[in-house]
C-alpha atoms as a PDB file:
ATOM      1  CA  MET A   1     113.169 121.605  76.288  1.00  0.00           C
ATOM      2  CA  ALA A   2     111.089 122.451  79.349  1.00  0.00           C
ATOM      3  CA  ARG A   3     112.709 123.944  82.343  1.00  0.00           C
ATOM      4  CA  TYR A   4     111.086 121.800  84.813  1.00  0.00           C
ATOM      5  CA  ARG A   5     109.757 118.192  84.598  1.00  0.00           C
ATOM      6  CA  VAL A   6     107.208 115.979  86.468  1.00  0.00           C
ATOM      7  CA  GLY A   7     105.926 112.674  85.663  1.00  0.00           C
ATOM      8  CA  ILE A   8     104.037 109.586  86.609  1.00  0.00           C
ATOM      9  CA  ILE A   9     105.759 106.562  88.186  1.00  0.00           C
ATOM     10  CA  GLY A  10     104.178 103.313  87.665  1.00  0.00           C
ATOM     11  CA  ASP A  11     104.115  99.917  85.681  1.00  0.00           C
ATOM     12  CA  PRO A  12     102.165 100.131  83.538  1.00  0.00           C
ATOM     13  CA  VAL A  13     101.745 103.985  82.682  1.00  0.00           C
ATOM     14  CA  ALA A  14     100.989 103.970  79.179  1.00  0.00           C
ATOM     15  CA  HIS A  15      97.201 104.258  79.785  1.00  0.00           C
ATOM     16  CA  SER A  16      97.549 107.216  81.968  1.00  0.00           C
ATOM     17  CA  ARG A  17      95.649 110.401  80.992  1.00  0.00           C
ATOM     18  CA  SER A  18      97.333 112.626  83.496  1.00  0.00           C
ATOM     19  CA  PRO A  19      99.758 113.980  81.071  1.00  0.00           C
ATOM     20  CA  ALA A  20      96.840 115.798  79.205  1.00  0.00           C
ATOM     21  CA  MET A  21      95.434 117.571  82.334  1.00  0.00           C
ATOM     22  CA  HIS A  22      98.736 118.527  83.848  1.00  0.00           C
ATOM     23  CA  ASN A  23     100.353 119.757  80.553  1.00  0.00           C
ATOM     24  CA  ALA A  24      97.158 121.724  79.682  1.00  0.00           C
ATOM     25  CA  ALA A  25      97.545 123.385  83.223  1.00  0.00           C
ATOM     26  CA  PHE A  26     101.133 124.228  82.673  1.00  0.00           C
ATOM     27  CA  VAL A  27     100.424 125.791  79.385  1.00  0.00           C
ATOM     28  CA  HIS A  28      97.451 127.958  80.680  1.00  0.00           C
ATOM     29  CA  LEU A  29      99.385 129.327  83.694  1.00  0.00           C
ATOM     30  CA  GLY A  30     102.483 129.889  81.401  1.00  0.00           C
ATOM     31  CA  ILE A  31     104.646 127.535  83.549  1.00  0.00           C
ATOM     32  CA  ASP A  32     107.835 126.243  81.730  1.00  0.00           C
ATOM     33  CA  ALA A  33     107.218 122.631  82.631  1.00  0.00           C
ATOM     34  CA  VAL A  34     106.173 119.319  81.050  1.00  0.00           C
ATOM     35  CA  TYR A  35     104.600 116.066  82.623  1.00  0.00           C
ATOM     36  CA  GLU A  36     105.769 112.885  81.223  1.00  0.00           C
ATOM     37  CA  ARG A  37     105.120 109.129  81.560  1.00  0.00           C
ATOM     38  CA  TRP A  38     107.823 107.194  83.322  1.00  0.00           C
ATOM     39  CA  GLN A  39     107.467 103.505  82.863  1.00  0.00           C
ATOM     40  CA  THR A  40     109.253 102.139  86.236  1.00  0.00           C
ATOM     41  CA  SER A  41     109.654  98.495  87.042  1.00  0.00           C
ATOM     42  CA  SER A  42     109.937  97.524  90.742  1.00  0.00           C
ATOM     43  CA  ARG A  43     113.577  96.866  90.190  1.00  0.00           C
ATOM     44  CA  ASP A  44     114.206 100.348  88.879  1.00  0.00           C
ATOM     45  CA  LEU A  45     112.161 102.319  91.446  1.00  0.00           C
ATOM     46  CA  LYS A  46     114.718 103.455  93.881  1.00  0.00           C
ATOM     47  CA  GLU A  47     116.815 104.923  90.898  1.00  0.00           C
ATOM     48  CA  ARG A  48     113.690 106.646  89.556  1.00  0.00           C
ATOM     49  CA  ILE A  49     113.043 108.153  92.947  1.00  0.00           C
ATOM     50  CA  ARG A  50     116.797 109.216  93.150  1.00  0.00           C
ATOM     51  CA  SER A  51     116.577 110.871  90.000  1.00  0.00           C
ATOM     52  CA  LEU A  52     113.645 113.244  91.346  1.00  0.00           C
ATOM     53  CA  ARG A  53     116.514 115.104  93.337  1.00  0.00           C
ATOM     54  CA  ALA A  54     117.775 116.779  90.177  1.00  0.00           C
ATOM     55  CA  ALA A  55     117.076 120.462  90.034  1.00  0.00           C
ATOM     56  CA  ASP A  56     114.860 120.373  87.163  1.00  0.00           C
ATOM     57  CA  MET A  57     112.497 117.858  88.660  1.00  0.00           C
ATOM     58  CA  LEU A  58     109.300 119.274  90.431  1.00  0.00           C
ATOM     59  CA  GLY A  59     108.243 115.852  91.765  1.00  0.00           C
ATOM     60  CA  ALA A  60     106.051 113.081  90.692  1.00  0.00           C
ATOM     61  CA  SER A  61     102.645 111.112  90.691  1.00  0.00           C
ATOM     62  CA  VAL A  62     102.902 107.460  91.831  1.00  0.00           C
ATOM     63  CA  THR A  63     100.632 104.841  90.646  1.00  0.00           C
ATOM     64  CA  LEU A  64     100.337 100.960  90.694  1.00  0.00           C
ATOM     65  CA  PRO A  65     102.102  98.945  91.983  1.00  0.00           C
ATOM     66  CA  HIS A  66     104.404 101.505  93.789  1.00  0.00           C
ATOM     67  CA  LYS A  67     102.351 103.495  96.106  1.00  0.00           C
ATOM     68  CA  ALA A  68     103.392 101.658  99.258  1.00  0.00           C
ATOM     69  CA  ALA A  69     106.964 100.714  98.128  1.00  0.00           C
ATOM     70  CA  VAL A  70     107.910 104.315  97.428  1.00  0.00           C
ATOM     71  CA  MET A  71     107.398 105.397 101.024  1.00  0.00           C
ATOM     72  CA  ALA A  72     110.626 104.018 102.159  1.00  0.00           C
ATOM     73  CA  LEU A  73     112.588 106.071  99.622  1.00  0.00           C
ATOM     74  CA  LEU A  74     111.419 109.371 100.601  1.00  0.00           C
ATOM     75  CA  ASP A  75     112.727 111.853 103.081  1.00  0.00           C
ATOM     76  CA  ASP A  76     109.391 112.959 104.577  1.00  0.00           C
ATOM     77  CA  LEU A  77     105.890 111.714 104.531  1.00  0.00           C
ATOM     78  CA  GLU A  78     102.625 114.052 105.204  1.00  0.00           C
ATOM     79  CA  PRO A  79     100.713 112.633 108.323  1.00  0.00           C
ATOM     80  CA  GLN A  80      97.760 111.459 106.115  1.00  0.00           C
ATOM     81  CA  ALA A  81     100.165 109.480 103.812  1.00  0.00           C
ATOM     82  CA  ALA A  82     101.999 107.922 106.634  1.00  0.00           C
ATOM     83  CA  ARG A  83      98.578 107.010 108.282  1.00  0.00           C
ATOM     84  CA  ILE A  84      97.126 105.708 105.119  1.00  0.00           C
ATOM     85  CA  GLY A  85     100.254 103.654 104.084  1.00  0.00           C
ATOM     86  CA  ALA A  86     100.240 104.821 100.347  1.00  0.00           C
ATOM     87  CA  VAL A  87     101.705 107.834  98.486  1.00  0.00           C
ATOM     88  CA  ASN A  88     100.501 109.032  95.175  1.00  0.00           C
ATOM     89  CA  THR A  89     102.157 112.436  95.198  1.00  0.00           C
ATOM     90  CA  ILE A  90     105.838 113.265  95.630  1.00  0.00           C
ATOM     91  CA  TYR A  91     106.872 116.908  95.954  1.00  0.00           C
ATOM     92  CA  LYS A  92     109.888 119.027  96.948  1.00  0.00           C
ATOM     93  CA  PRO A  93     109.496 122.053  99.260  1.00  0.00           C
ATOM     94  CA  GLU A  94     112.135 124.652  99.120  1.00  0.00           C
ATOM     95  CA  ASN A  95     114.532 122.707 101.203  1.00  0.00           C
ATOM     96  CA  GLY A  96     114.706 120.062  98.344  1.00  0.00           C
ATOM     97  CA  ARG A  97     113.540 117.157 100.351  1.00  0.00           C
ATOM     98  CA  LEU A  98     111.297 114.559  98.817  1.00  0.00           C
ATOM     99  CA  VAL A  99     107.973 114.581 100.484  1.00  0.00           C
ATOM    100  CA  GLY A 100     105.065 111.931 100.032  1.00  0.00           C
ATOM    101  CA  ALA A 101     101.552 113.034 100.037  1.00  0.00           C
ATOM    102  CA  ASN A 102      98.211 111.179  99.488  1.00  0.00           C
ATOM    103  CA  THR A 103      95.820 113.216  97.263  1.00  0.00           C
ATOM    104  CA  ASP A 104      93.668 110.154  96.382  1.00  0.00           C
ATOM    105  CA  ALA A 105      91.845 110.340  99.731  1.00  0.00           C
ATOM    106  CA  PRO A 106      90.655 113.963  99.644  1.00  0.00           C
ATOM    107  CA  GLY A 107      90.103 113.615  95.951  1.00  0.00           C
ATOM    108  CA  PHE A 108      88.062 110.697  96.179  1.00  0.00           C
ATOM    109  CA  ILE A 109      85.864 112.257  98.912  1.00  0.00           C
ATOM    110  CA  GLU A 110      85.474 115.511  96.805  1.00  0.00           C
ATOM    111  CA  SER A 111      84.383 113.381  93.719  1.00  0.00           C
ATOM    112  CA  LEU A 112      81.642 111.751  95.839  1.00  0.00           C
ATOM    113  CA  HIS A 113      80.306 114.987  97.195  1.00  0.00           C
ATOM    114  CA  VAL A 114      80.484 117.022  93.955  1.00  0.00           C
ATOM    115  CA  ASP A 115      80.089 114.571  91.154  1.00  0.00           C
ATOM    116  CA  ALA A 116      77.604 112.144  92.845  1.00  0.00           C
ATOM    117  CA  ALA A 117      76.143 114.485  95.512  1.00  0.00           C
ATOM    118  CA  PHE A 118      76.718 111.434  97.854  1.00  0.00           C
ATOM    119  CA  ASP A 119      77.557 112.165 101.572  1.00  0.00           C
ATOM    120  CA  PRO A 120      79.248 109.159 103.139  1.00  0.00           C
ATOM    121  CA  ALA A 121      78.208 110.000 106.636  1.00  0.00           C
ATOM    122  CA  GLY A 122      76.247 107.176 108.110  1.00  0.00           C
ATOM    123  CA  SER A 123      76.650 104.949 104.950  1.00  0.00           C
ATOM    124  CA  THR A 124      77.391 101.400 104.467  1.00  0.00           C
ATOM    125  CA  VAL A 125      80.220 100.870 102.108  1.00  0.00           C
ATOM    126  CA  LEU A 126      81.683  97.824 100.202  1.00  0.00           C
ATOM    127  CA  ILE A 127      85.239  98.336  98.974  1.00  0.00           C
ATOM    128  CA  LEU A 128      86.456  95.974  96.336  1.00  0.00           C
ATOM    129  CA  GLY A 129      90.110  95.441  96.587  1.00  0.00           C
ATOM    130  CA  ALA A 130      93.104  96.036  99.116  1.00  0.00           C
ATOM    131  CA  SER A 131      95.385  98.058  97.000  1.00  0.00           C
ATOM    132  CA  GLY A 132      96.772 101.641  97.840  1.00  0.00           C
ATOM    133  CA  ALA A 133      93.672 103.227  96.100  1.00  0.00           C
ATOM    134  CA  ALA A 134      91.611 100.877  98.606  1.00  0.00           C
ATOM    135  CA  ARG A 135      93.575 102.025 101.605  1.00  0.00           C
ATOM    136  CA  ALA A 136      92.965 105.658 100.604  1.00  0.00           C
ATOM    137  CA  ALA A 137      89.315 105.075 100.215  1.00  0.00           C
ATOM    138  CA  LEU A 138      89.024 103.262 103.430  1.00  0.00           C
ATOM    139  CA  TYR A 139      90.611 105.980 105.503  1.00  0.00           C
ATOM    140  CA  ALA A 140      88.795 108.927 103.620  1.00  0.00           C
ATOM    141  CA  LEU A 141      85.550 107.047 104.188  1.00  0.00           C
ATOM    142  CA  LEU A 142      86.292 106.519 107.952  1.00  0.00           C
ATOM    143  CA  ASP A 143      87.086 110.292 108.391  1.00  0.00           C
ATOM    144  CA  ALA A 144      83.994 111.155 106.544  1.00  0.00           C
ATOM    145  CA  GLY A 145      81.800 109.115 109.061  1.00  0.00           C
ATOM    146  CA  ALA A 146      80.861 105.995 107.231  1.00  0.00           C
ATOM    147  CA  SER A 147      79.185 103.559 109.803  1.00  0.00           C
ATOM    148  CA  ARG A 148      79.988 100.229 108.203  1.00  0.00           C
ATOM    149  CA  LEU A 149      82.928  99.379 105.771  1.00  0.00           C
ATOM    150  CA  VAL A 150      83.356  96.096 104.353  1.00  0.00           C
ATOM    151  CA  ILE A 151      86.726  95.242 102.412  1.00  0.00           C
ATOM    152  CA  ALA A 152      86.202  92.389  99.924  1.00  0.00           C
ATOM    153  CA  ASN A 153      89.406  91.147  98.250  1.00  0.00           C
ATOM    154  CA  ARG A 154      90.281  88.018  96.183  1.00  0.00           C
ATOM    155  CA  THR A 155      92.418  86.770  99.049  1.00  0.00           C
ATOM    156  CA  LEU A 156      90.932  87.211 102.392  1.00  0.00           C
ATOM    157  CA  GLU A 157      94.495  87.652 104.147  1.00  0.00           C
ATOM    158  CA  ARG A 158      95.118  90.878 102.343  1.00  0.00           C
ATOM    159  CA  ALA A 159      91.629  92.383 103.205  1.00  0.00           C
ATOM    160  CA  GLU A 160      92.315  91.373 106.880  1.00  0.00           C
ATOM    161  CA  ALA A 161      95.779  92.871 106.862  1.00  0.00           C
ATOM    162  CA  LEU A 162      94.373  96.314 105.762  1.00  0.00           C
ATOM    163  CA  LEU A 163      91.787  96.460 108.327  1.00  0.00           C
ATOM    164  CA  ALA A 164      94.648  95.245 110.982  1.00  0.00           C
ATOM    165  CA  ASP A 165      96.473  98.342 109.920  1.00  0.00           C
ATOM    166  CA  VAL A 166      93.638 100.481 110.777  1.00  0.00           C
ATOM    167  CA  LEU A 167      93.287  98.917 114.232  1.00  0.00           C
ATOM    168  CA  SER A 168      97.000  99.511 114.750  1.00  0.00           C
ATOM    169  CA  SER A 169      96.733 103.173 113.580  1.00  0.00           C
ATOM    170  CA  GLY A 170      94.577 103.904 116.718  1.00  0.00           C
ATOM    171  CA  MET A 171      91.280 104.407 114.767  1.00  0.00           C
ATOM    172  CA  ALA A 172      89.760 101.303 116.397  1.00  0.00           C
ATOM    173  CA  PRO A 173      90.478  99.328 119.548  1.00  0.00           C
ATOM    174  CA  GLU A 174      93.273  96.723 119.295  1.00  0.00           C
ATOM    175  CA  ASP A 175      91.203  93.921 120.329  1.00  0.00           C
ATOM    176  CA  GLY A 176      88.670  94.475 117.595  1.00  0.00           C
ATOM    177  CA  SER A 177      87.932  91.632 115.158  1.00  0.00           C
ATOM    178  CA  THR A 178      88.652  92.024 111.518  1.00  0.00           C
ATOM    179  CA  ASN A 179      86.791  88.726 110.249  1.00  0.00           C
ATOM    180  CA  GLY A 180      83.742  88.535 108.425  1.00  0.00           C
ATOM    181  CA  THR A 181      81.546  87.456 111.296  1.00  0.00           C
ATOM    182  CA  THR A 182      82.644  89.986 114.015  1.00  0.00           C
ATOM    183  CA  PRO A 183      82.823  93.600 112.976  1.00  0.00           C
ATOM    184  CA  ALA A 184      85.228  95.846 114.924  1.00  0.00           C
ATOM    185  CA  PRO A 185      83.635  98.882 116.419  1.00  0.00           C
ATOM    186  CA  LEU A 186      85.696 102.055 115.837  1.00  0.00           C
ATOM    187  CA  VAL A 187      86.417 104.763 118.168  1.00  0.00           C
ATOM    188  CA  ASP A 188      86.590 108.535 118.395  1.00  0.00           C
ATOM    189  CA  ASP A 189      83.948 110.223 116.427  1.00  0.00           C
ATOM    190  CA  MET A 190      82.653 107.098 115.073  1.00  0.00           C
ATOM    191  CA  PRO A 191      81.491 104.801 117.950  1.00  0.00           C
ATOM    192  CA  ASP A 192      78.920 102.752 115.855  1.00  0.00           C
ATOM    193  CA  ALA A 193      81.085 102.258 112.757  1.00  0.00           C
ATOM    194  CA  GLN A 194      82.020  98.596 111.914  1.00  0.00           C
ATOM    195  CA  LEU A 195      84.751  97.038 109.877  1.00  0.00           C
ATOM    196  CA  ILE A 196      84.548  93.631 108.086  1.00  0.00           C
ATOM    197  CA  ALA A 197      86.919  91.791 105.736  1.00  0.00           C
ATOM    198  CA  VAL A 198      85.654  89.117 103.321  1.00  0.00           C
ATOM    199  CA  ALA A 199      86.882  87.259 100.333  1.00  0.00           C
ATOM    200  CA  LEU A 200      85.242  88.052  96.949  1.00  0.00           C
ATOM    201  CA  ASP A 201      83.979  84.525  96.860  1.00  0.00           C
ATOM    202  CA  ASP A 202      82.525  84.654 100.138  1.00  0.00           C
ATOM    203  CA  THR A 203      78.969  83.207 100.359  1.00  0.00           C
ATOM    204  CA  GLY A 204      77.938  86.196 102.318  1.00  0.00           C
ATOM    205  CA  LEU A 205      78.939  88.650  99.772  1.00  0.00           C
ATOM    206  CA  PRO A 206      75.610  88.928  98.040  1.00  0.00           C
ATOM    207  CA  ASP A 207      73.911  89.961 101.083  1.00  0.00           C
ATOM    208  CA  LEU A 208      76.634  92.593 101.951  1.00  0.00           C
ATOM    209  CA  LEU A 209      76.272  94.050  98.404  1.00  0.00           C
ATOM    210  CA  ALA A 210      72.442  94.306  99.075  1.00  0.00           C
ATOM    211  CA  GLU A 211      72.927  96.142 102.127  1.00  0.00           C
ATOM    212  CA  SER A 212      75.539  98.764 100.672  1.00  0.00           C
ATOM    213  CA  THR A 213      74.598 102.394  99.902  1.00  0.00           C
ATOM    214  CA  LEU A 214      78.069 102.839  98.199  1.00  0.00           C
ATOM    215  CA  ILE A 215      80.171  99.996  96.412  1.00  0.00           C
ATOM    216  CA  VAL A 216      83.729 101.216  95.482  1.00  0.00           C
ATOM    217  CA  ASN A 217      85.769  99.213  93.040  1.00  0.00           C
ATOM    218  CA  ALA A 218      89.567  99.994  93.940  1.00  0.00           C
ATOM    219  CA  THR A 219      90.913  96.982  91.908  1.00  0.00           C
ATOM    220  CA  SER A 220      92.551  97.241  88.398  1.00  0.00           C
ATOM    221  CA  LEU A 221      89.682  95.028  86.921  1.00  0.00           C
ATOM    222  CA  GLY A 222      88.100  97.099  84.297  1.00  0.00           C
ATOM    223  CA  TRP A 223      91.252  98.602  82.552  1.00  0.00           C
ATOM    224  CA  HIS A 224      91.439  95.686  80.171  1.00  0.00           C
ATOM    225  CA  GLY A 225      88.282  94.352  78.346  1.00  0.00           C
ATOM    226  CA  ASP A 226      85.319  92.778  79.901  1.00  0.00           C
ATOM    227  CA  GLU A 227      86.660  92.031  83.167  1.00  0.00           C
ATOM    228  CA  THR A 228      84.986  92.771  86.471  1.00  0.00           C
ATOM    229  CA  PRO A 229      85.326  91.988  90.291  1.00  0.00           C
ATOM    230  CA  LEU A 230      81.646  91.158  90.548  1.00  0.00           C
ATOM    231  CA  PRO A 231      80.705  88.950  87.554  1.00  0.00           C
ATOM    232  CA  GLU A 232      77.382  87.633  89.206  1.00  0.00           C
ATOM    233  CA  ALA A 233      76.459  90.459  91.210  1.00  0.00           C
ATOM    234  CA  ARG A 234      72.949  91.869  92.152  1.00  0.00           C
ATOM    235  CA  PHE A 235      72.888  95.560  92.710  1.00  0.00           C
ATOM    236  CA  SER A 236      70.129  97.280  94.620  1.00  0.00           C
ATOM    237  CA  PRO A 237      68.417 100.239  92.970  1.00  0.00           C
ATOM    238  CA  GLY A 238      69.675 103.406  94.179  1.00  0.00           C
ATOM    239  CA  THR A 239      73.075 102.050  95.190  1.00  0.00           C
ATOM    240  CA  LEU A 240      75.893 104.250  94.084  1.00  0.00           C
ATOM    241  CA  VAL A 241      78.622 102.112  92.240  1.00  0.00           C
ATOM    242  CA  TYR A 242      81.826 103.905  92.035  1.00  0.00           C
ATOM    243  CA  ASP A 243      84.540 102.529  89.919  1.00  0.00           C
ATOM    244  CA  MET A 244      88.036 104.147  90.351  1.00  0.00           C
ATOM    245  CA  VAL A 245      88.848 102.982  86.614  1.00  0.00           C
ATOM    246  CA  TYR A 246      88.374 106.090  84.663  1.00  0.00           C
ATOM    247  CA  ARG A 247      86.832 104.343  81.559  1.00  0.00           C
ATOM    248  CA  PRO A 248      83.337 102.773  80.877  1.00  0.00           C
ATOM    249  CA  THR A 249      83.670  99.216  82.563  1.00  0.00           C
ATOM    250  CA  ARG A 250      81.432  96.162  82.711  1.00  0.00           C
ATOM    251  CA  LEU A 251      80.954  96.727  86.346  1.00  0.00           C
ATOM    252  CA  LEU A 252      79.297 100.158  85.809  1.00  0.00           C
ATOM    253  CA  HIS A 253      77.290  98.869  82.651  1.00  0.00           C
ATOM    254  CA  ASP A 254      75.939  95.874  84.925  1.00  0.00           C
ATOM    255  CA  ALA A 255      75.074  98.203  87.648  1.00  0.00           C
ATOM    256  CA  ALA A 256      73.427 100.762  85.652  1.00  0.00           C
ATOM    257  CA  ALA A 257      71.395  98.051  83.961  1.00  0.00           C
ATOM    258  CA  GLN A 258      70.015  97.211  87.430  1.00  0.00           C
ATOM    259  CA  GLY A 259      68.997 100.542  88.363  1.00  0.00           C
ATOM    260  CA  ALA A 260      72.021 101.684  90.426  1.00  0.00           C
ATOM    261  CA  HIS A 261      73.563 105.063  90.111  1.00  0.00           C
ATOM    262  CA  THR A 262      77.058 104.719  88.617  1.00  0.00           C
ATOM    263  CA  LEU A 263      80.143 107.063  88.509  1.00  0.00           C
ATOM    264  CA  ASP A 264      83.633 106.308  87.006  1.00  0.00           C
ATOM    265  CA  GLY A 265      86.983 107.528  88.442  1.00  0.00           C
ATOM    266  CA  MET A 266      87.288 110.517  86.238  1.00  0.00           C
ATOM    267  CA  GLY A 267      86.246 113.004  88.869  1.00  0.00           C
ATOM    268  CA  MET A 268      88.721 111.476  91.427  1.00  0.00           C
ATOM    269  CA  LEU A 269      91.529 111.563  88.735  1.00  0.00           C
ATOM    270  CA  LEU A 270      91.005 115.262  88.186  1.00  0.00           C
ATOM    271  CA  ARG A 271      90.606 116.290  91.751  1.00  0.00           C
ATOM    272  CA  GLN A 272      93.568 114.432  93.174  1.00  0.00           C
ATOM    273  CA  GLY A 273      95.492 115.875  90.211  1.00  0.00           C
ATOM    274  CA  THR A 274      94.587 119.362  90.987  1.00  0.00           C
ATOM    275  CA  LEU A 275      95.880 118.912  94.533  1.00  0.00           C
ATOM    276  CA  ALA A 276      99.090 117.340  93.246  1.00  0.00           C
ATOM    277  CA  PHE A 277      99.565 120.275  90.779  1.00  0.00           C
ATOM    278  CA  GLU A 278      99.317 122.839  93.619  1.00  0.00           C
ATOM    279  CA  HIS A 279     101.986 120.800  95.629  1.00  0.00           C
ATOM    280  CA  TRP A 280     104.456 120.939  92.635  1.00  0.00           C
ATOM    281  CA  THR A 281     103.697 124.530  91.537  1.00  0.00           C
ATOM    282  CA  GLY A 282     102.560 126.506  94.581  1.00  0.00           C
ATOM    283  CA  GLN A 283      99.700 127.949  92.362  1.00  0.00           C
ATOM    284  CA  PRO A 284      96.015 127.183  92.305  1.00  0.00           C
ATOM    285  CA  ALA A 285      95.041 124.378  89.755  1.00  0.00           C
ATOM    286  CA  PRO A 286      93.008 125.610  86.828  1.00  0.00           C
ATOM    287  CA  LEU A 287      90.247 123.102  87.445  1.00  0.00           C
ATOM    288  CA  ASP A 288      88.187 123.828  84.443  1.00  0.00           C
ATOM    289  CA  VAL A 289      91.124 123.628  82.093  1.00  0.00           C
ATOM    290  CA  MET A 290      92.177 120.248  83.583  1.00  0.00           C
ATOM    291  CA  ARG A 291      88.659 118.848  83.245  1.00  0.00           C
ATOM    292  CA  ALA A 292      88.451 119.815  79.576  1.00  0.00           C
ATOM    293  CA  ALA A 293      91.911 118.403  78.797  1.00  0.00           C
ATOM    294  CA  LEU A 294      90.831 115.146  80.434  1.00  0.00           C
ATOM    295  CA  GLN A 295      87.486 115.130  78.531  1.00  0.00           C
ATOM    296  CA  HIS A 296      89.261 115.315  75.134  1.00  0.00           C
ATOM    297  CA  SER A 297      92.248 113.018  75.818  1.00  0.00           C
END
């Protein structure tokens, strides 16, 4: 039995490829630890987090649907995680307290830069979904200087709620609108940026798609079969379509067939994972070893 344990908390987790990359890293560095899948319902989340206080626990990854709910169960939050409103990594400093971090945001931006050679500065972005992953993408893109961001969700209310959180965080003026007709100007280093919320069935969505230089799927549609958040979409050639699902999806197939550039979420999975690994172990993550493990898992 390994001396230390770490795992992924979510519902479901059977599909997760994180064990492959983290266990390969532990073996490569000679760390006596194992990374496991911890299927956890909302009902059992509190007990699962309590179990992380055991001496043999290094921490955890957090995935759907717990990235927001887990925050109230932790001792501390890193400022970025608190600002985003989502945690995907839990670690324990020397004092043993449980700290929540968000490595999705920096992992996503690094994947855009390195895997797609895409600079978000000045870009027009359409984000599909209002999940914890969507929250991370939105804040990361704002920090990276995107000039216009559209949140498109099945229910308009959730998209508006996400943009309202941005407004209340101080990143935009309190009187800014978050509806589909009056974009909200941001402040600080992004005076010309805009925020827009629309429903996925909004009649104006095709025009917003055509104007976007980056489209990000932050929904779970694509994990199971031939499902897609944009069944009738027309993509502009040269647009980058980024699917956080780390497998071939109908969205990416449709986009590539129309001349768009495409990228799945494998790079984001890898890069957020290396940051999490460094939180747990205090050692530099072996990027190449982890990438190879993912490719062969």
